[in-house]
Amino acid sequence: MVKKEVVIRSKHGLHARPSAKISELAQFFGDTNIRLIDPSDGTDADAKSILSILTMTKESGQSVIVTADGPDEQKAVDEIVGIIDGFSVDN
């Protein structure tokens, strides 16, 4: 299992656009289980489900832990963290 914590820098938090990109990418890693975990309370979301991600309601400045378990776990975590980092303060 691979995991990495990332801070959400977008002023709109983890909104629909990054959530859609995350779920689309996660589906590409079919046999890899990818989750987003809220470190403040331990709740998690299936990264392959946009609705699951959106229900986390993560705001700017909060963090999530991206975890993956499976054949492409390192690549999956790196790419999803890249999506979250790619949405800067202005997005």
PDB file of N, CA and C in Angstrom:
ATOM      1  N   MET A   1       0.848  -1.179   0.000  1.00  0.00           N
ATOM      2  CA  MET A   1       0.000   0.000   0.000  1.00  0.00           C
ATOM      3  C   MET A   1       0.892   1.240   0.000  1.00  0.00           C
ATOM      4  N   VAL A   2       0.490   2.212  -0.792  1.00  0.00           N
ATOM      5  CA  VAL A   2       1.191   3.487  -0.880  1.00  0.00           C
ATOM      6  C   VAL A   2       0.227   4.573  -0.434  1.00  0.00           C
ATOM      7  N   LYS A   3       0.729   5.543   0.325  1.00  0.00           N
ATOM      8  CA  LYS A   3      -0.133   6.660   0.715  1.00  0.00           C
ATOM      9  C   LYS A   3       0.678   7.942   0.781  1.00  0.00           C
ATOM     10  N   LYS A   4      -0.032   9.054   0.527  1.00  0.00           N
ATOM     11  CA  LYS A   4       0.605  10.367   0.572  1.00  0.00           C
ATOM     12  C   LYS A   4      -0.443  11.403   0.950  1.00  0.00           C
ATOM     13  N   GLU A   5      -0.079  12.297   1.858  1.00  0.00           N
ATOM     14  CA  GLU A   5      -0.984  13.366   2.272  1.00  0.00           C
ATOM     15  C   GLU A   5      -0.731  14.587   1.396  1.00  0.00           C
ATOM     16  N   VAL A   6      -1.800  15.253   1.016  1.00  0.00           N
ATOM     17  CA  VAL A   6      -1.703  16.434   0.166  1.00  0.00           C
ATOM     18  C   VAL A   6      -2.687  17.493   0.663  1.00  0.00           C
ATOM     19  N   VAL A   7      -2.246  18.750   0.623  1.00  0.00           N
ATOM     20  CA  VAL A   7      -3.091  19.873   1.034  1.00  0.00           C
ATOM     21  C   VAL A   7      -3.829  20.396  -0.188  1.00  0.00           C
ATOM     22  N   ILE A   8      -5.107  20.653  -0.028  1.00  0.00           N
ATOM     23  CA  ILE A   8      -5.930  21.196  -1.107  1.00  0.00           C
ATOM     24  C   ILE A   8      -5.698  22.695  -1.161  1.00  0.00           C
ATOM     25  N   ARG A   9      -5.185  23.163  -2.293  1.00  0.00           N
ATOM     26  CA  ARG A   9      -4.829  24.573  -2.427  1.00  0.00           C
ATOM     27  C   ARG A   9      -5.833  25.385  -3.231  1.00  0.00           C
ATOM     28  N   SER A  10      -6.754  24.734  -3.902  1.00  0.00           N
ATOM     29  CA  SER A  10      -7.761  25.444  -4.680  1.00  0.00           C
ATOM     30  C   SER A  10      -8.673  26.230  -3.756  1.00  0.00           C
ATOM     31  N   LYS A  11      -8.959  27.483  -4.109  1.00  0.00           N
ATOM     32  CA  LYS A  11      -9.817  28.305  -3.255  1.00  0.00           C
ATOM     33  C   LYS A  11     -11.238  27.758  -3.155  1.00  0.00           C
ATOM     34  N   HIS A  12     -11.611  26.867  -4.077  1.00  0.00           N
ATOM     35  CA  HIS A  12     -12.943  26.271  -4.071  1.00  0.00           C
ATOM     36  C   HIS A  12     -12.944  24.879  -3.431  1.00  0.00           C
ATOM     37  N   GLY A  13     -11.818  24.460  -2.891  1.00  0.00           N
ATOM     38  CA  GLY A  13     -11.732  23.144  -2.269  1.00  0.00           C
ATOM     39  C   GLY A  13     -11.723  22.029  -3.301  1.00  0.00           C
ATOM     40  N   LEU A  14     -12.096  20.856  -2.867  1.00  0.00           N
ATOM     41  CA  LEU A  14     -12.144  19.695  -3.757  1.00  0.00           C
ATOM     42  C   LEU A  14     -13.519  19.672  -4.414  1.00  0.00           C
ATOM     43  N   HIS A  15     -13.692  20.533  -5.407  1.00  0.00           N
ATOM     44  CA  HIS A  15     -14.980  20.733  -6.059  1.00  0.00           C
ATOM     45  C   HIS A  15     -15.167  19.771  -7.234  1.00  0.00           C
ATOM     46  N   ALA A  16     -16.186  19.998  -8.029  1.00  0.00           N
ATOM     47  CA  ALA A  16     -16.589  19.060  -9.078  1.00  0.00           C
ATOM     48  C   ALA A  16     -15.510  18.793 -10.126  1.00  0.00           C
ATOM     49  N   ARG A  17     -14.820  19.824 -10.577  1.00  0.00           N
ATOM     50  CA  ARG A  17     -13.839  19.628 -11.645  1.00  0.00           C
ATOM     51  C   ARG A  17     -12.681  18.715 -11.226  1.00  0.00           C
ATOM     52  N   PRO A  18     -11.993  18.999 -10.117  1.00  0.00           N
ATOM     53  CA  PRO A  18     -10.926  18.066  -9.735  1.00  0.00           C
ATOM     54  C   PRO A  18     -11.466  16.694  -9.333  1.00  0.00           C
ATOM     55  N   SER A  19     -12.636  16.658  -8.735  1.00  0.00           N
ATOM     56  CA  SER A  19     -13.229  15.368  -8.356  1.00  0.00           C
ATOM     57  C   SER A  19     -13.495  14.512  -9.591  1.00  0.00           C
ATOM     58  N   ALA A  20     -13.980  15.129 -10.647  1.00  0.00           N
ATOM     59  CA  ALA A  20     -14.235  14.403 -11.894  1.00  0.00           C
ATOM     60  C   ALA A  20     -12.930  13.891 -12.498  1.00  0.00           C
ATOM     61  N   LYS A  21     -11.899  14.713 -12.466  1.00  0.00           N
ATOM     62  CA  LYS A  21     -10.601  14.285 -13.014  1.00  0.00           C
ATOM     63  C   LYS A  21     -10.020  13.138 -12.188  1.00  0.00           C
ATOM     64  N   ILE A  22     -10.160  13.236 -10.873  1.00  0.00           N
ATOM     65  CA  ILE A  22      -9.653  12.169 -10.002  1.00  0.00           C
ATOM     66  C   ILE A  22     -10.375  10.863 -10.287  1.00  0.00           C
ATOM     67  N   SER A  23     -11.705  10.897 -10.338  1.00  0.00           N
ATOM     68  CA  SER A  23     -12.456   9.654 -10.550  1.00  0.00           C
ATOM     69  C   SER A  23     -12.194   9.070 -11.934  1.00  0.00           C
ATOM     70  N   GLU A  24     -12.051   9.929 -12.925  1.00  0.00           N
ATOM     71  CA  GLU A  24     -11.744   9.454 -14.276  1.00  0.00           C
ATOM     72  C   GLU A  24     -10.390   8.758 -14.308  1.00  0.00           C
ATOM     73  N   LEU A  25      -9.394   9.382 -13.697  1.00  0.00           N
ATOM     74  CA  LEU A  25      -8.062   8.784 -13.660  1.00  0.00           C
ATOM     75  C   LEU A  25      -8.069   7.492 -12.839  1.00  0.00           C
ATOM     76  N   ALA A  26      -8.726   7.493 -11.695  1.00  0.00           N
ATOM     77  CA  ALA A  26      -8.755   6.318 -10.825  1.00  0.00           C
ATOM     78  C   ALA A  26      -9.352   5.113 -11.544  1.00  0.00           C
ATOM     79  N   GLN A  27     -10.343   5.347 -12.386  1.00  0.00           N
ATOM     80  CA  GLN A  27     -10.963   4.256 -13.126  1.00  0.00           C
ATOM     81  C   GLN A  27      -9.980   3.625 -14.111  1.00  0.00           C
ATOM     82  N   PHE A  28      -9.007   4.398 -14.563  1.00  0.00           N
ATOM     83  CA  PHE A  28      -7.969   3.884 -15.454  1.00  0.00           C
ATOM     84  C   PHE A  28      -7.150   2.793 -14.761  1.00  0.00           C
ATOM     85  N   PHE A  29      -6.987   2.911 -13.444  1.00  0.00           N
ATOM     86  CA  PHE A  29      -6.244   1.928 -12.662  1.00  0.00           C
ATOM     87  C   PHE A  29      -7.217   0.878 -12.132  1.00  0.00           C
ATOM     88  N   GLY A  30      -7.813   0.127 -13.020  1.00  0.00           N
ATOM     89  CA  GLY A  30      -8.910  -0.781 -12.704  1.00  0.00           C
ATOM     90  C   GLY A  30      -8.694  -1.720 -11.535  1.00  0.00           C
ATOM     91  N   ASP A  31      -7.546  -2.383 -11.457  1.00  0.00           N
ATOM     92  CA  ASP A  31      -7.309  -3.369 -10.402  1.00  0.00           C
ATOM     93  C   ASP A  31      -6.675  -2.778  -9.147  1.00  0.00           C
ATOM     94  N   THR A  32      -6.479  -1.492  -9.125  1.00  0.00           N
ATOM     95  CA  THR A  32      -5.874  -0.837  -7.970  1.00  0.00           C
ATOM     96  C   THR A  32      -6.965  -0.153  -7.155  1.00  0.00           C
ATOM     97  N   ASN A  33      -7.027  -0.449  -5.869  1.00  0.00           N
ATOM     98  CA  ASN A  33      -7.999   0.168  -4.966  1.00  0.00           C
ATOM     99  C   ASN A  33      -7.441   1.519  -4.519  1.00  0.00           C
ATOM    100  N   ILE A  34      -8.130   2.592  -4.858  1.00  0.00           N
ATOM    101  CA  ILE A  34      -7.661   3.948  -4.556  1.00  0.00           C
ATOM    102  C   ILE A  34      -8.700   4.634  -3.678  1.00  0.00           C
ATOM    103  N   ARG A  35      -8.248   5.198  -2.559  1.00  0.00           N
ATOM    104  CA  ARG A  35      -9.140   5.853  -1.605  1.00  0.00           C
ATOM    105  C   ARG A  35      -8.571   7.220  -1.245  1.00  0.00           C
ATOM    106  N   LEU A  36      -9.467   8.135  -0.904  1.00  0.00           N
ATOM    107  CA  LEU A  36      -9.099   9.423  -0.323  1.00  0.00           C
ATOM    108  C   LEU A  36      -9.563   9.389   1.122  1.00  0.00           C
ATOM    109  N   ILE A  37      -8.669   9.669   2.044  1.00  0.00           N
ATOM    110  CA  ILE A  37      -8.992   9.597   3.466  1.00  0.00           C
ATOM    111  C   ILE A  37      -8.891  10.986   4.077  1.00  0.00           C
ATOM    112  N   ASP A  38      -9.883  11.340   4.873  1.00  0.00           N
ATOM    113  CA  ASP A  38      -9.876  12.597   5.613  1.00  0.00           C
ATOM    114  C   ASP A  38      -9.093  12.360   6.909  1.00  0.00           C
ATOM    115  N   PRO A  39      -7.911  12.968   7.051  1.00  0.00           N
ATOM    116  CA  PRO A  39      -7.112  12.705   8.248  1.00  0.00           C
ATOM    117  C   PRO A  39      -7.724  13.245   9.538  1.00  0.00           C
ATOM    118  N   SER A  40      -8.670  14.167   9.423  1.00  0.00           N
ATOM    119  CA  SER A  40      -9.258  14.743  10.630  1.00  0.00           C
ATOM    120  C   SER A  40     -10.244  13.803  11.319  1.00  0.00           C
ATOM    121  N   ASP A  41     -10.920  12.936  10.527  1.00  0.00           N
ATOM    122  CA  ASP A  41     -11.893  12.043  11.155  1.00  0.00           C
ATOM    123  C   ASP A  41     -11.841  10.606  10.643  1.00  0.00           C
ATOM    124  N   GLY A  42     -10.958  10.331   9.695  1.00  0.00           N
ATOM    125  CA  GLY A  42     -10.791   8.965   9.197  1.00  0.00           C
ATOM    126  C   GLY A  42     -11.790   8.511   8.163  1.00  0.00           C
ATOM    127  N   THR A  43     -12.751   9.366   7.811  1.00  0.00           N
ATOM    128  CA  THR A  43     -13.695   8.969   6.760  1.00  0.00           C
ATOM    129  C   THR A  43     -12.952   8.865   5.441  1.00  0.00           C
ATOM    130  N   ASP A  44     -13.484   8.039   4.559  1.00  0.00           N
ATOM    131  CA  ASP A  44     -12.804   7.875   3.282  1.00  0.00           C
ATOM    132  C   ASP A  44     -13.784   7.860   2.126  1.00  0.00           C
ATOM    133  N   ALA A  45     -13.220   8.017   0.933  1.00  0.00           N
ATOM    134  CA  ALA A  45     -14.017   8.043  -0.285  1.00  0.00           C
ATOM    135  C   ALA A  45     -13.352   7.156  -1.329  1.00  0.00           C
ATOM    136  N   ASP A  46     -14.178   6.484  -2.106  1.00  0.00           N
ATOM    137  CA  ASP A  46     -13.694   5.701  -3.238  1.00  0.00           C
ATOM    138  C   ASP A  46     -13.302   6.686  -4.335  1.00  0.00           C
ATOM    139  N   ALA A  47     -12.034   6.688  -4.715  1.00  0.00           N
ATOM    140  CA  ALA A  47     -11.552   7.638  -5.717  1.00  0.00           C
ATOM    141  C   ALA A  47     -12.150   7.390  -7.103  1.00  0.00           C
ATOM    142  N   LYS A  48     -12.754   6.245  -7.308  1.00  0.00           N
ATOM    143  CA  LYS A  48     -13.370   5.943  -8.602  1.00  0.00           C
ATOM    144  C   LYS A  48     -14.788   6.487  -8.689  1.00  0.00           C
ATOM    145  N   SER A  49     -15.282   7.085  -7.608  1.00  0.00           N
ATOM    146  CA  SER A  49     -16.648   7.601  -7.561  1.00  0.00           C
ATOM    147  C   SER A  49     -16.643   9.105  -7.295  1.00  0.00           C
ATOM    148  N   ILE A  50     -17.070   9.882  -8.273  1.00  0.00           N
ATOM    149  CA  ILE A  50     -17.106  11.337  -8.107  1.00  0.00           C
ATOM    150  C   ILE A  50     -18.032  11.725  -6.945  1.00  0.00           C
ATOM    151  N   LEU A  51     -19.148  11.046  -6.799  1.00  0.00           N
ATOM    152  CA  LEU A  51     -20.072  11.366  -5.703  1.00  0.00           C
ATOM    153  C   LEU A  51     -19.437  11.093  -4.342  1.00  0.00           C
ATOM    154  N   SER A  52     -18.692  10.020  -4.255  1.00  0.00           N
ATOM    155  CA  SER A  52     -18.013   9.689  -3.007  1.00  0.00           C
ATOM    156  C   SER A  52     -16.997  10.774  -2.646  1.00  0.00           C
ATOM    157  N   ILE A  53     -16.277  11.269  -3.637  1.00  0.00           N
ATOM    158  CA  ILE A  53     -15.285  12.329  -3.404  1.00  0.00           C
ATOM    159  C   ILE A  53     -15.985  13.619  -2.992  1.00  0.00           C
ATOM    160  N   LEU A  54     -17.037  13.983  -3.705  1.00  0.00           N
ATOM    161  CA  LEU A  54     -17.739  15.236  -3.414  1.00  0.00           C
ATOM    162  C   LEU A  54     -18.363  15.249  -2.023  1.00  0.00           C
ATOM    163  N   THR A  55     -18.775  14.107  -1.531  1.00  0.00           N
ATOM    164  CA  THR A  55     -19.391  14.079  -0.207  1.00  0.00           C
ATOM    165  C   THR A  55     -18.383  14.323   0.915  1.00  0.00           C
ATOM    166  N   MET A  56     -17.099  14.289   0.593  1.00  0.00           N
ATOM    167  CA  MET A  56     -16.077  14.592   1.601  1.00  0.00           C
ATOM    168  C   MET A  56     -16.088  16.079   1.964  1.00  0.00           C
ATOM    169  N   THR A  57     -16.563  16.911   1.057  1.00  0.00           N
ATOM    170  CA  THR A  57     -16.625  18.372   1.222  1.00  0.00           C
ATOM    171  C   THR A  57     -15.333  18.945   1.821  1.00  0.00           C
ATOM    172  N   LYS A  58     -14.240  18.724   1.130  1.00  0.00           N
ATOM    173  CA  LYS A  58     -12.943  19.224   1.581  1.00  0.00           C
ATOM    174  C   LYS A  58     -12.739  20.650   1.067  1.00  0.00           C
ATOM    175  N   GLU A  59     -12.344  21.532   1.963  1.00  0.00           N
ATOM    176  CA  GLU A  59     -12.161  22.946   1.665  1.00  0.00           C
ATOM    177  C   GLU A  59     -10.682  23.271   1.444  1.00  0.00           C
ATOM    178  N   SER A  60     -10.432  24.438   0.916  1.00  0.00           N
ATOM    179  CA  SER A  60      -9.070  24.917   0.715  1.00  0.00           C
ATOM    180  C   SER A  60      -8.323  24.943   2.050  1.00  0.00           C
ATOM    181  N   GLY A  61      -7.091  24.475   2.037  1.00  0.00           N
ATOM    182  CA  GLY A  61      -6.271  24.438   3.237  1.00  0.00           C
ATOM    183  C   GLY A  61      -6.376  23.140   4.011  1.00  0.00           C
ATOM    184  N   GLN A  62      -7.399  22.346   3.734  1.00  0.00           N
ATOM    185  CA  GLN A  62      -7.530  21.049   4.385  1.00  0.00           C
ATOM    186  C   GLN A  62      -6.704  20.020   3.612  1.00  0.00           C
ATOM    187  N   SER A  63      -6.482  18.896   4.205  1.00  0.00           N
ATOM    188  CA  SER A  63      -5.684  17.880   3.528  1.00  0.00           C
ATOM    189  C   SER A  63      -6.467  16.582   3.384  1.00  0.00           C
ATOM    190  N   VAL A  64      -6.008  15.766   2.455  1.00  0.00           N
ATOM    191  CA  VAL A  64      -6.511  14.414   2.265  1.00  0.00           C
ATOM    192  C   VAL A  64      -5.307  13.493   2.127  1.00  0.00           C
ATOM    193  N   ILE A  65      -5.521  12.249   2.467  1.00  0.00           N
ATOM    194  CA  ILE A  65      -4.497  11.232   2.261  1.00  0.00           C
ATOM    195  C   ILE A  65      -4.959  10.376   1.093  1.00  0.00           C
ATOM    196  N   VAL A  66      -4.124  10.285   0.074  1.00  0.00           N
ATOM    197  CA  VAL A  66      -4.416   9.451  -1.086  1.00  0.00           C
ATOM    198  C   VAL A  66      -3.739   8.106  -0.851  1.00  0.00           C
ATOM    199  N   THR A  67      -4.514   7.027  -0.888  1.00  0.00           N
ATOM    200  CA  THR A  67      -3.956   5.689  -0.706  1.00  0.00           C
ATOM    201  C   THR A  67      -4.288   4.830  -1.916  1.00  0.00           C
ATOM    202  N   ALA A  68      -3.403   3.904  -2.195  1.00  0.00           N
ATOM    203  CA  ALA A  68      -3.641   2.966  -3.290  1.00  0.00           C
ATOM    204  C   ALA A  68      -3.029   1.620  -2.922  1.00  0.00           C
ATOM    205  N   ASP A  69      -3.719   0.572  -3.324  1.00  0.00           N
ATOM    206  CA  ASP A  69      -3.263  -0.780  -3.077  1.00  0.00           C
ATOM    207  C   ASP A  69      -3.545  -1.598  -4.328  1.00  0.00           C
ATOM    208  N   GLY A  70      -2.500  -2.063  -4.966  1.00  0.00           N
ATOM    209  CA  GLY A  70      -2.679  -2.838  -6.186  1.00  0.00           C
ATOM    210  C   GLY A  70      -1.493  -2.730  -7.103  1.00  0.00           C
ATOM    211  N   PRO A  71      -1.649  -3.202  -8.329  1.00  0.00           N
ATOM    212  CA  PRO A  71      -0.532  -3.294  -9.267  1.00  0.00           C
ATOM    213  C   PRO A  71       0.159  -1.960  -9.590  1.00  0.00           C
ATOM    214  N   ASP A  72      -0.588  -0.880  -9.696  1.00  0.00           N
ATOM    215  CA  ASP A  72      -0.011   0.418 -10.077  1.00  0.00           C
ATOM    216  C   ASP A  72      -0.157   1.434  -8.955  1.00  0.00           C
ATOM    217  N   GLU A  73      -0.005   0.996  -7.714  1.00  0.00           N
ATOM    218  CA  GLU A  73      -0.304   1.848  -6.569  1.00  0.00           C
ATOM    219  C   GLU A  73       0.543   3.123  -6.520  1.00  0.00           C
ATOM    220  N   GLN A  74       1.834   3.029  -6.769  1.00  0.00           N
ATOM    221  CA  GLN A  74       2.688   4.221  -6.698  1.00  0.00           C
ATOM    222  C   GLN A  74       2.309   5.232  -7.776  1.00  0.00           C
ATOM    223  N   LYS A  75       2.126   4.746  -8.982  1.00  0.00           N
ATOM    224  CA  LYS A  75       1.753   5.630 -10.092  1.00  0.00           C
ATOM    225  C   LYS A  75       0.391   6.271  -9.842  1.00  0.00           C
ATOM    226  N   ALA A  76      -0.553   5.502  -9.325  1.00  0.00           N
ATOM    227  CA  ALA A  76      -1.891   6.024  -9.047  1.00  0.00           C
ATOM    228  C   ALA A  76      -1.835   7.147  -8.014  1.00  0.00           C
ATOM    229  N   VAL A  77      -1.128   6.933  -6.926  1.00  0.00           N
ATOM    230  CA  VAL A  77      -1.011   7.967  -5.886  1.00  0.00           C
ATOM    231  C   VAL A  77      -0.332   9.203  -6.451  1.00  0.00           C
ATOM    232  N   ASP A  78       0.773   9.023  -7.154  1.00  0.00           N
ATOM    233  CA  ASP A  78       1.506  10.168  -7.704  1.00  0.00           C
ATOM    234  C   ASP A  78       0.640  10.994  -8.649  1.00  0.00           C
ATOM    235  N   GLU A  79      -0.117  10.333  -9.510  1.00  0.00           N
ATOM    236  CA  GLU A  79      -0.929  11.054 -10.492  1.00  0.00           C
ATOM    237  C   GLU A  79      -2.129  11.749  -9.846  1.00  0.00           C
ATOM    238  N   ILE A  80      -2.738  11.127  -8.862  1.00  0.00           N
ATOM    239  CA  ILE A  80      -3.881  11.764  -8.196  1.00  0.00           C
ATOM    240  C   ILE A  80      -3.413  12.940  -7.346  1.00  0.00           C
ATOM    241  N   VAL A  81      -2.299  12.788  -6.671  1.00  0.00           N
ATOM    242  CA  VAL A  81      -1.722  13.923  -5.926  1.00  0.00           C
ATOM    243  C   VAL A  81      -1.400  15.051  -6.905  1.00  0.00           C
ATOM    244  N   GLY A  82      -0.916  14.704  -8.092  1.00  0.00           N
ATOM    245  CA  GLY A  82      -0.627  15.712  -9.119  1.00  0.00           C
ATOM    246  C   GLY A  82      -1.875  16.473  -9.541  1.00  0.00           C
ATOM    247  N   ILE A  83      -2.996  15.786  -9.643  1.00  0.00           N
ATOM    248  CA  ILE A  83      -4.257  16.457  -9.986  1.00  0.00           C
ATOM    249  C   ILE A  83      -4.638  17.443  -8.883  1.00  0.00           C
ATOM    250  N   ILE A  84      -4.578  16.987  -7.642  1.00  0.00           N
ATOM    251  CA  ILE A  84      -4.959  17.849  -6.525  1.00  0.00           C
ATOM    252  C   ILE A  84      -4.023  19.060  -6.442  1.00  0.00           C
ATOM    253  N   ASP A  85      -2.721  18.821  -6.604  1.00  0.00           N
ATOM    254  CA  ASP A  85      -1.746  19.923  -6.598  1.00  0.00           C
ATOM    255  C   ASP A  85      -1.923  20.862  -7.788  1.00  0.00           C
ATOM    256  N   GLY A  86      -2.419  20.318  -8.902  1.00  0.00           N
ATOM    257  CA  GLY A  86      -2.573  21.099 -10.124  1.00  0.00           C
ATOM    258  C   GLY A  86      -3.668  22.154 -10.045  1.00  0.00           C
ATOM    259  N   PHE A  87      -4.571  21.990  -9.103  1.00  0.00           N
ATOM    260  CA  PHE A  87      -5.616  22.994  -8.911  1.00  0.00           C
ATOM    261  C   PHE A  87      -5.103  23.968  -7.870  1.00  0.00           C
ATOM    262  N   SER A  88      -4.564  25.086  -8.360  1.00  0.00           N
ATOM    263  CA  SER A  88      -3.904  26.055  -7.488  1.00  0.00           C
ATOM    264  C   SER A  88      -4.921  26.915  -6.739  1.00  0.00           C
ATOM    265  N   VAL A  89      -4.418  27.863  -6.015  1.00  0.00           N
ATOM    266  CA  VAL A  89      -5.259  28.761  -5.209  1.00  0.00           C
ATOM    267  C   VAL A  89      -6.287  29.477  -6.075  1.00  0.00           C
ATOM    268  N   ASP A  90      -5.978  29.766  -7.316  1.00  0.00           N
ATOM    269  CA  ASP A  90      -6.874  30.513  -8.185  1.00  0.00           C
ATOM    270  C   ASP A  90      -7.966  29.661  -8.825  1.00  0.00           C
ATOM    271  N   ASN A  91      -7.861  28.341  -8.765  1.00  0.00           N
ATOM    272  CA  ASN A  91      -8.845  27.458  -9.420  1.00  0.00           C
ATOM    273  C   ASN A  91      -9.991  27.145  -8.487  1.00  0.00           C
TER     274      ASN A  91
END
